[in-house]
Amino acid sequence: MLHAKVSWNLTTVFTLHILRLVIGLFFVRLLYPLIFTVTPFIVEVTDRLVVLALVWLTVNKYGGDFKNLGLSFHHLGSNILKGVAVGFILLCISTFSERIFATMLYITPTQHPLVVQVENAKTWRDLLVPLLLAGMLAPFAEEILYRLFTFLPMKERWGVWGGAIGSSLVFAFMHFNVYWLGEMMIVGVGLALLYYWTGSLISGMVAHCVLNTSKIIMLFYGISFL
């Protein structure tokens, strides 16, 4: 289990989330259009890089050690297997919860640019960008941001379940999509508990990767659980 303590607080957490939005908007709305055409790929990559830079600077400022916080290859094989197993469990749970949540609230899904790209894909080559962004970069950056950086101080403030729920709320709302709200909260809680249980951020990254990659492949082939 994860026993690491952190020295940053919730004010620091929410300040960083706001800075992420401000810096991202500055680049994609103001700076980039002066130089080149902004594409969804550029927006997504910029966001991931901003997240990683901000978290790295903040954790180092407060004397945090990424290895002690779970970003290490200790027990790598075991953590990968746990991540794969939890990833498929979360895939089943999130798929059903997404449909139930949308049906109960009569919500029509808002198409994400990556979802549209997958739906329009004709060959596996067309899936390379979505798989890179959602299957690899998103799990890496988001586990660092929402679990390592956001969950830990919330856990110390409100306990494991309070931290898991609190960080999952931030995780869900920061995706700015009501249709995904219920699903994101469930996935966020699952990933936070996995992180705490294994003490490894790698397990969460693997589970997140399995979840996102599976959904891309299911969407490409038109596979549905319901």
C-alpha atoms as a PDB file:
ATOM      1  CA  MET A   1       0.000   0.000   0.000  1.00  0.00           C
ATOM      2  CA  LEU A   2       0.981   3.609  -0.506  1.00  0.00           C
ATOM      3  CA  HIS A   3       2.285   5.328   2.621  1.00  0.00           C
ATOM      4  CA  ALA A   4       4.095   8.307   1.087  1.00  0.00           C
ATOM      5  CA  LYS A   5       3.345  11.750   2.516  1.00  0.00           C
ATOM      6  CA  VAL A   6       3.315  14.943   0.480  1.00  0.00           C
ATOM      7  CA  SER A   7       4.014  18.517   1.526  1.00  0.00           C
ATOM      8  CA  TRP A   8       1.809  20.345  -0.962  1.00  0.00           C
ATOM      9  CA  ASN A   9      -1.781  21.133   0.008  1.00  0.00           C
ATOM     10  CA  LEU A  10      -5.154  21.445  -1.691  1.00  0.00           C
ATOM     11  CA  THR A  11      -4.611  25.134  -2.457  1.00  0.00           C
ATOM     12  CA  THR A  12      -1.533  24.144  -4.449  1.00  0.00           C
ATOM     13  CA  VAL A  13      -3.524  21.429  -6.212  1.00  0.00           C
ATOM     14  CA  PHE A  14      -6.334  23.708  -7.373  1.00  0.00           C
ATOM     15  CA  THR A  15      -3.889  26.483  -8.292  1.00  0.00           C
ATOM     16  CA  LEU A  16      -2.062  24.076 -10.579  1.00  0.00           C
ATOM     17  CA  HIS A  17      -5.302  22.953 -12.248  1.00  0.00           C
ATOM     18  CA  ILE A  18      -6.195  26.580 -12.957  1.00  0.00           C
ATOM     19  CA  LEU A  19      -2.700  27.315 -14.256  1.00  0.00           C
ATOM     20  CA  ARG A  20      -2.993  24.321 -16.563  1.00  0.00           C
ATOM     21  CA  LEU A  21      -6.080  25.820 -18.173  1.00  0.00           C
ATOM     22  CA  VAL A  22      -4.674  29.349 -18.376  1.00  0.00           C
ATOM     23  CA  ILE A  23      -1.341  28.297 -19.891  1.00  0.00           C
ATOM     24  CA  GLY A  24      -3.021  25.882 -22.285  1.00  0.00           C
ATOM     25  CA  LEU A  25      -5.444  28.536 -23.515  1.00  0.00           C
ATOM     26  CA  PHE A  26      -2.605  30.999 -23.944  1.00  0.00           C
ATOM     27  CA  PHE A  27      -0.739  28.615 -26.222  1.00  0.00           C
ATOM     28  CA  VAL A  28      -3.621  27.237 -28.305  1.00  0.00           C
ATOM     29  CA  ARG A  29      -5.790  30.376 -28.477  1.00  0.00           C
ATOM     30  CA  LEU A  30      -3.249  33.190 -28.599  1.00  0.00           C
ATOM     31  CA  LEU A  31       0.289  32.080 -29.435  1.00  0.00           C
ATOM     32  CA  TYR A  32      -0.087  29.121 -31.808  1.00  0.00           C
ATOM     33  CA  PRO A  33      -2.572  30.790 -34.222  1.00  0.00           C
ATOM     34  CA  LEU A  34       0.052  33.448 -34.880  1.00  0.00           C
ATOM     35  CA  ILE A  35       2.485  30.784 -36.056  1.00  0.00           C
ATOM     36  CA  PHE A  36       0.562  27.814 -37.474  1.00  0.00           C
ATOM     37  CA  THR A  37      -2.832  26.157 -37.720  1.00  0.00           C
ATOM     38  CA  VAL A  38      -3.962  24.589 -34.456  1.00  0.00           C
ATOM     39  CA  THR A  39      -5.170  20.976 -34.697  1.00  0.00           C
ATOM     40  CA  PRO A  40      -6.703  18.661 -32.049  1.00  0.00           C
ATOM     41  CA  PHE A  41      -3.413  16.750 -31.999  1.00  0.00           C
ATOM     42  CA  ILE A  42      -1.466  19.908 -31.123  1.00  0.00           C
ATOM     43  CA  VAL A  43      -4.004  20.849 -28.445  1.00  0.00           C
ATOM     44  CA  GLU A  44      -3.794  17.412 -26.798  1.00  0.00           C
ATOM     45  CA  VAL A  45       0.006  17.229 -26.882  1.00  0.00           C
ATOM     46  CA  THR A  46       0.327  20.768 -25.534  1.00  0.00           C
ATOM     47  CA  ASP A  47      -1.988  19.943 -22.639  1.00  0.00           C
ATOM     48  CA  ARG A  48      -0.010  16.820 -21.721  1.00  0.00           C
ATOM     49  CA  LEU A  49       3.288  18.705 -21.796  1.00  0.00           C
ATOM     50  CA  VAL A  50       1.894  21.573 -19.714  1.00  0.00           C
ATOM     51  CA  VAL A  51       0.567  19.091 -17.133  1.00  0.00           C
ATOM     52  CA  LEU A  52       3.866  17.235 -16.852  1.00  0.00           C
ATOM     53  CA  ALA A  53       5.903  20.435 -16.615  1.00  0.00           C
ATOM     54  CA  LEU A  54       3.684  21.966 -13.928  1.00  0.00           C
ATOM     55  CA  VAL A  55       3.575  18.816 -11.794  1.00  0.00           C
ATOM     56  CA  TRP A  56       7.327  18.244 -12.123  1.00  0.00           C
ATOM     57  CA  LEU A  57       8.124  21.816 -11.098  1.00  0.00           C
ATOM     58  CA  THR A  58       5.701  21.736  -8.168  1.00  0.00           C
ATOM     59  CA  VAL A  59       6.720  18.332  -6.807  1.00  0.00           C
ATOM     60  CA  ASN A  60      10.385  19.332  -6.964  1.00  0.00           C
ATOM     61  CA  LYS A  61       9.620  22.662  -5.316  1.00  0.00           C
ATOM     62  CA  TYR A  62       8.094  20.819  -2.351  1.00  0.00           C
ATOM     63  CA  GLY A  63      10.906  18.262  -2.191  1.00  0.00           C
ATOM     64  CA  GLY A  64       8.853  15.336  -3.410  1.00  0.00           C
ATOM     65  CA  ASP A  65      10.461  12.148  -4.685  1.00  0.00           C
ATOM     66  CA  PHE A  66       8.661  10.621  -7.672  1.00  0.00           C
ATOM     67  CA  LYS A  67      10.061   7.156  -6.901  1.00  0.00           C
ATOM     68  CA  ASN A  68       8.709   7.211  -3.364  1.00  0.00           C
ATOM     69  CA  LEU A  69       5.404   8.424  -4.752  1.00  0.00           C
ATOM     70  CA  GLY A  70       5.068   5.316  -6.893  1.00  0.00           C
ATOM     71  CA  LEU A  71       6.682   6.287 -10.173  1.00  0.00           C
ATOM     72  CA  SER A  72       9.216   3.464 -10.188  1.00  0.00           C
ATOM     73  CA  PHE A  73       9.779   0.076 -11.766  1.00  0.00           C
ATOM     74  CA  HIS A  74       9.786  -1.772  -8.431  1.00  0.00           C
ATOM     75  CA  HIS A  75       7.740  -5.014  -8.743  1.00  0.00           C
ATOM     76  CA  LEU A  76       7.135  -4.045 -12.369  1.00  0.00           C
ATOM     77  CA  GLY A  77       5.761  -7.393 -13.574  1.00  0.00           C
ATOM     78  CA  SER A  78       3.292  -7.699 -10.724  1.00  0.00           C
ATOM     79  CA  ASN A  79       2.102  -4.117 -11.097  1.00  0.00           C
ATOM     80  CA  ILE A  80       1.604  -4.520 -14.838  1.00  0.00           C
ATOM     81  CA  LEU A  81      -0.523  -7.645 -14.312  1.00  0.00           C
ATOM     82  CA  LYS A  82      -2.607  -5.876 -11.668  1.00  0.00           C
ATOM     83  CA  GLY A  83      -3.011  -2.914 -13.978  1.00  0.00           C
ATOM     84  CA  VAL A  84      -4.187  -5.100 -16.877  1.00  0.00           C
ATOM     85  CA  ALA A  85      -6.703  -6.929 -14.677  1.00  0.00           C
ATOM     86  CA  VAL A  86      -8.125  -3.733 -13.165  1.00  0.00           C
ATOM     87  CA  GLY A  87      -8.151  -2.084 -16.582  1.00  0.00           C
ATOM     88  CA  PHE A  88     -10.513  -4.721 -17.988  1.00  0.00           C
ATOM     89  CA  ILE A  89     -12.679  -4.607 -14.861  1.00  0.00           C
ATOM     90  CA  LEU A  90     -12.985  -0.824 -15.178  1.00  0.00           C
ATOM     91  CA  LEU A  91     -13.744  -1.231 -18.887  1.00  0.00           C
ATOM     92  CA  CYS A  92     -16.798  -3.366 -18.095  1.00  0.00           C
ATOM     93  CA  ILE A  93     -17.987  -1.197 -15.227  1.00  0.00           C
ATOM     94  CA  SER A  94     -17.448   2.113 -17.018  1.00  0.00           C
ATOM     95  CA  THR A  95     -19.178   0.959 -20.199  1.00  0.00           C
ATOM     96  CA  PHE A  96     -22.340  -0.036 -18.354  1.00  0.00           C
ATOM     97  CA  SER A  97     -22.266   3.031 -16.089  1.00  0.00           C
ATOM     98  CA  GLU A  98     -21.891   5.310 -19.104  1.00  0.00           C
ATOM     99  CA  ARG A  99     -25.028   3.903 -20.733  1.00  0.00           C
ATOM    100  CA  ILE A 100     -27.036   3.943 -17.490  1.00  0.00           C
ATOM    101  CA  PHE A 101     -25.995   7.508 -16.629  1.00  0.00           C
ATOM    102  CA  ALA A 102     -26.824   8.777 -20.103  1.00  0.00           C
ATOM    103  CA  THR A 103     -30.175   6.947 -20.196  1.00  0.00           C
ATOM    104  CA  MET A 104     -31.286   8.164 -16.786  1.00  0.00           C
ATOM    105  CA  LEU A 105     -30.456  11.799 -17.543  1.00  0.00           C
ATOM    106  CA  TYR A 106     -31.434  11.675 -21.236  1.00  0.00           C
ATOM    107  CA  ILE A 107     -28.001  12.963 -22.240  1.00  0.00           C
ATOM    108  CA  THR A 108     -26.783  12.955 -25.826  1.00  0.00           C
ATOM    109  CA  PRO A 109     -23.011  12.399 -26.086  1.00  0.00           C
ATOM    110  CA  THR A 110     -20.857  15.302 -27.186  1.00  0.00           C
ATOM    111  CA  GLN A 111     -18.340  14.050 -29.702  1.00  0.00           C
ATOM    112  CA  HIS A 112     -14.708  14.447 -28.696  1.00  0.00           C
ATOM    113  CA  PRO A 113     -12.349  15.123 -31.637  1.00  0.00           C
ATOM    114  CA  LEU A 114     -10.520  11.855 -30.960  1.00  0.00           C
ATOM    115  CA  VAL A 115     -13.804   9.936 -30.923  1.00  0.00           C
ATOM    116  CA  VAL A 116     -14.730  11.460 -34.271  1.00  0.00           C
ATOM    117  CA  GLN A 117     -11.319  10.510 -35.652  1.00  0.00           C
ATOM    118  CA  VAL A 118     -11.767   6.895 -34.538  1.00  0.00           C
ATOM    119  CA  GLU A 119     -15.285   6.736 -35.978  1.00  0.00           C
ATOM    120  CA  ASN A 120     -13.988   8.039 -39.318  1.00  0.00           C
ATOM    121  CA  ALA A 121     -10.957   5.733 -39.340  1.00  0.00           C
ATOM    122  CA  LYS A 122     -10.765   3.327 -42.275  1.00  0.00           C
ATOM    123  CA  THR A 123      -7.538   1.482 -41.446  1.00  0.00           C
ATOM    124  CA  TRP A 124      -5.340   0.814 -38.432  1.00  0.00           C
ATOM    125  CA  ARG A 125      -3.021   3.558 -39.625  1.00  0.00           C
ATOM    126  CA  ASP A 126      -5.824   6.049 -38.989  1.00  0.00           C
ATOM    127  CA  LEU A 127      -5.870   4.927 -35.360  1.00  0.00           C
ATOM    128  CA  LEU A 128      -2.223   5.769 -34.654  1.00  0.00           C
ATOM    129  CA  VAL A 129      -2.893   9.295 -33.406  1.00  0.00           C
ATOM    130  CA  PRO A 130      -5.858   8.363 -31.135  1.00  0.00           C
ATOM    131  CA  LEU A 131      -3.917   5.396 -29.753  1.00  0.00           C
ATOM    132  CA  LEU A 132      -0.879   7.595 -29.071  1.00  0.00           C
ATOM    133  CA  LEU A 133      -2.849  10.398 -27.426  1.00  0.00           C
ATOM    134  CA  ALA A 134      -5.559   8.476 -25.553  1.00  0.00           C
ATOM    135  CA  GLY A 135      -3.833   5.118 -25.161  1.00  0.00           C
ATOM    136  CA  MET A 136      -0.384   6.298 -24.089  1.00  0.00           C
ATOM    137  CA  LEU A 137       0.048  10.021 -23.397  1.00  0.00           C
ATOM    138  CA  ALA A 138      -3.242  10.510 -21.536  1.00  0.00           C
ATOM    139  CA  PRO A 139      -2.700   7.613 -19.073  1.00  0.00           C
ATOM    140  CA  PHE A 140       0.854   8.772 -18.355  1.00  0.00           C
ATOM    141  CA  ALA A 141       0.043  12.463 -17.811  1.00  0.00           C
ATOM    142  CA  GLU A 142      -3.348  12.002 -16.134  1.00  0.00           C
ATOM    143  CA  GLU A 143      -2.184   9.423 -13.600  1.00  0.00           C
ATOM    144  CA  ILE A 144       0.587  11.792 -12.561  1.00  0.00           C
ATOM    145  CA  LEU A 145      -1.801  14.747 -12.353  1.00  0.00           C
ATOM    146  CA  TYR A 146      -4.965  13.229 -10.866  1.00  0.00           C
ATOM    147  CA  ARG A 147      -3.601  10.381  -8.773  1.00  0.00           C
ATOM    148  CA  LEU A 148      -0.060  11.299  -7.684  1.00  0.00           C
ATOM    149  CA  PHE A 149      -0.581  15.057  -7.460  1.00  0.00           C
ATOM    150  CA  THR A 150      -4.304  15.431  -6.660  1.00  0.00           C
ATOM    151  CA  PHE A 151      -5.270  12.232  -4.817  1.00  0.00           C
ATOM    152  CA  LEU A 152      -2.428  12.178  -2.278  1.00  0.00           C
ATOM    153  CA  PRO A 153      -3.114  15.486  -0.476  1.00  0.00           C
ATOM    154  CA  MET A 154      -6.843  14.727  -0.557  1.00  0.00           C
ATOM    155  CA  LYS A 155      -6.152  11.319   0.990  1.00  0.00           C
ATOM    156  CA  GLU A 156      -4.194  12.940   3.793  1.00  0.00           C
ATOM    157  CA  ARG A 157      -7.012  15.434   4.361  1.00  0.00           C
ATOM    158  CA  TRP A 158     -10.079  13.174   4.037  1.00  0.00           C
ATOM    159  CA  GLY A 159      -8.812   9.583   4.126  1.00  0.00           C
ATOM    160  CA  VAL A 160      -8.466   7.040   1.314  1.00  0.00           C
ATOM    161  CA  TRP A 161     -12.107   6.997   0.195  1.00  0.00           C
ATOM    162  CA  GLY A 162     -12.501  10.754   0.582  1.00  0.00           C
ATOM    163  CA  GLY A 163      -9.359  11.306  -1.468  1.00  0.00           C
ATOM    164  CA  ALA A 164     -10.457   8.804  -4.103  1.00  0.00           C
ATOM    165  CA  ILE A 165     -13.869  10.426  -4.494  1.00  0.00           C
ATOM    166  CA  GLY A 166     -12.512  13.974  -4.347  1.00  0.00           C
ATOM    167  CA  SER A 167      -9.808  13.364  -6.942  1.00  0.00           C
ATOM    168  CA  SER A 168     -12.284  11.510  -9.166  1.00  0.00           C
ATOM    169  CA  LEU A 169     -14.580  14.556  -9.106  1.00  0.00           C
ATOM    170  CA  VAL A 170     -11.719  16.758 -10.286  1.00  0.00           C
ATOM    171  CA  PHE A 171     -10.800  14.108 -12.879  1.00  0.00           C
ATOM    172  CA  ALA A 172     -14.384  14.005 -14.169  1.00  0.00           C
ATOM    173  CA  PHE A 173     -15.062  17.736 -14.246  1.00  0.00           C
ATOM    174  CA  MET A 174     -11.764  18.538 -15.957  1.00  0.00           C
ATOM    175  CA  HIS A 175     -12.897  16.497 -18.976  1.00  0.00           C
ATOM    176  CA  PHE A 176     -15.696  19.051 -19.535  1.00  0.00           C
ATOM    177  CA  ASN A 177     -18.199  16.468 -20.785  1.00  0.00           C
ATOM    178  CA  VAL A 178     -21.452  15.797 -18.879  1.00  0.00           C
ATOM    179  CA  TYR A 179     -22.009  12.569 -20.816  1.00  0.00           C
ATOM    180  CA  TRP A 180     -18.788  11.125 -19.383  1.00  0.00           C
ATOM    181  CA  LEU A 181     -19.292  12.469 -15.848  1.00  0.00           C
ATOM    182  CA  GLY A 182     -20.569   9.299 -14.159  1.00  0.00           C
ATOM    183  CA  GLU A 183     -18.138   7.060 -16.002  1.00  0.00           C
ATOM    184  CA  MET A 184     -15.148   9.279 -15.205  1.00  0.00           C
ATOM    185  CA  MET A 185     -16.014   9.374 -11.514  1.00  0.00           C
ATOM    186  CA  ILE A 186     -16.179   5.580 -11.308  1.00  0.00           C
ATOM    187  CA  VAL A 187     -12.958   5.163 -13.272  1.00  0.00           C
ATOM    188  CA  GLY A 188     -11.249   7.856 -11.183  1.00  0.00           C
ATOM    189  CA  VAL A 189     -12.158   6.153  -7.915  1.00  0.00           C
ATOM    190  CA  GLY A 190     -10.986   2.787  -9.263  1.00  0.00           C
ATOM    191  CA  LEU A 191      -7.638   4.157 -10.424  1.00  0.00           C
ATOM    192  CA  ALA A 192      -7.060   6.010  -7.152  1.00  0.00           C
ATOM    193  CA  LEU A 193      -7.759   2.856  -5.111  1.00  0.00           C
ATOM    194  CA  LEU A 194      -5.482   0.837  -7.408  1.00  0.00           C
ATOM    195  CA  TYR A 195      -2.708   3.387  -6.884  1.00  0.00           C
ATOM    196  CA  TYR A 196      -3.169   3.214  -3.116  1.00  0.00           C
ATOM    197  CA  TRP A 197      -3.428  -0.585  -3.069  1.00  0.00           C
ATOM    198  CA  THR A 198      -0.332  -1.272  -5.175  1.00  0.00           C
ATOM    199  CA  GLY A 199       1.700   1.770  -4.142  1.00  0.00           C
ATOM    200  CA  SER A 200       2.648   2.050  -7.794  1.00  0.00           C
ATOM    201  CA  LEU A 201       1.623   4.650 -10.337  1.00  0.00           C
ATOM    202  CA  ILE A 202       2.658   2.207 -13.081  1.00  0.00           C
ATOM    203  CA  SER A 203      -0.289  -0.059 -12.289  1.00  0.00           C
ATOM    204  CA  GLY A 204      -2.684   2.860 -12.745  1.00  0.00           C
ATOM    205  CA  MET A 205      -1.046   3.896 -15.996  1.00  0.00           C
ATOM    206  CA  VAL A 206      -1.367   0.355 -17.348  1.00  0.00           C
ATOM    207  CA  ALA A 207      -5.016   0.097 -16.268  1.00  0.00           C
ATOM    208  CA  HIS A 208      -5.776   3.499 -17.803  1.00  0.00           C
ATOM    209  CA  CYS A 209      -4.004   2.472 -21.006  1.00  0.00           C
ATOM    210  CA  VAL A 210      -5.947  -0.818 -21.205  1.00  0.00           C
ATOM    211  CA  LEU A 211      -9.226   1.019 -20.663  1.00  0.00           C
ATOM    212  CA  ASN A 212      -8.652   3.750 -23.254  1.00  0.00           C
ATOM    213  CA  THR A 213      -7.075   1.478 -25.845  1.00  0.00           C
ATOM    214  CA  SER A 214      -9.865  -1.091 -25.518  1.00  0.00           C
ATOM    215  CA  LYS A 215     -12.513   1.583 -26.009  1.00  0.00           C
ATOM    216  CA  ILE A 216     -10.767   2.870 -29.133  1.00  0.00           C
ATOM    217  CA  ILE A 217     -10.610  -0.634 -30.615  1.00  0.00           C
ATOM    218  CA  MET A 218     -14.237  -1.347 -29.665  1.00  0.00           C
ATOM    219  CA  LEU A 219     -15.357   1.892 -31.273  1.00  0.00           C
ATOM    220  CA  PHE A 220     -13.330   1.152 -34.424  1.00  0.00           C
ATOM    221  CA  TYR A 221     -14.929  -2.290 -34.832  1.00  0.00           C
ATOM    222  CA  GLY A 222     -18.366  -1.193 -33.668  1.00  0.00           C
ATOM    223  CA  ILE A 223     -18.309  -3.492 -30.628  1.00  0.00           C
ATOM    224  CA  SER A 224     -20.761  -2.755 -27.830  1.00  0.00           C
ATOM    225  CA  PHE A 225     -21.572  -4.509 -24.557  1.00  0.00           C
ATOM    226  CA  LEU A 226     -25.212  -3.485 -24.886  1.00  0.00           C
END
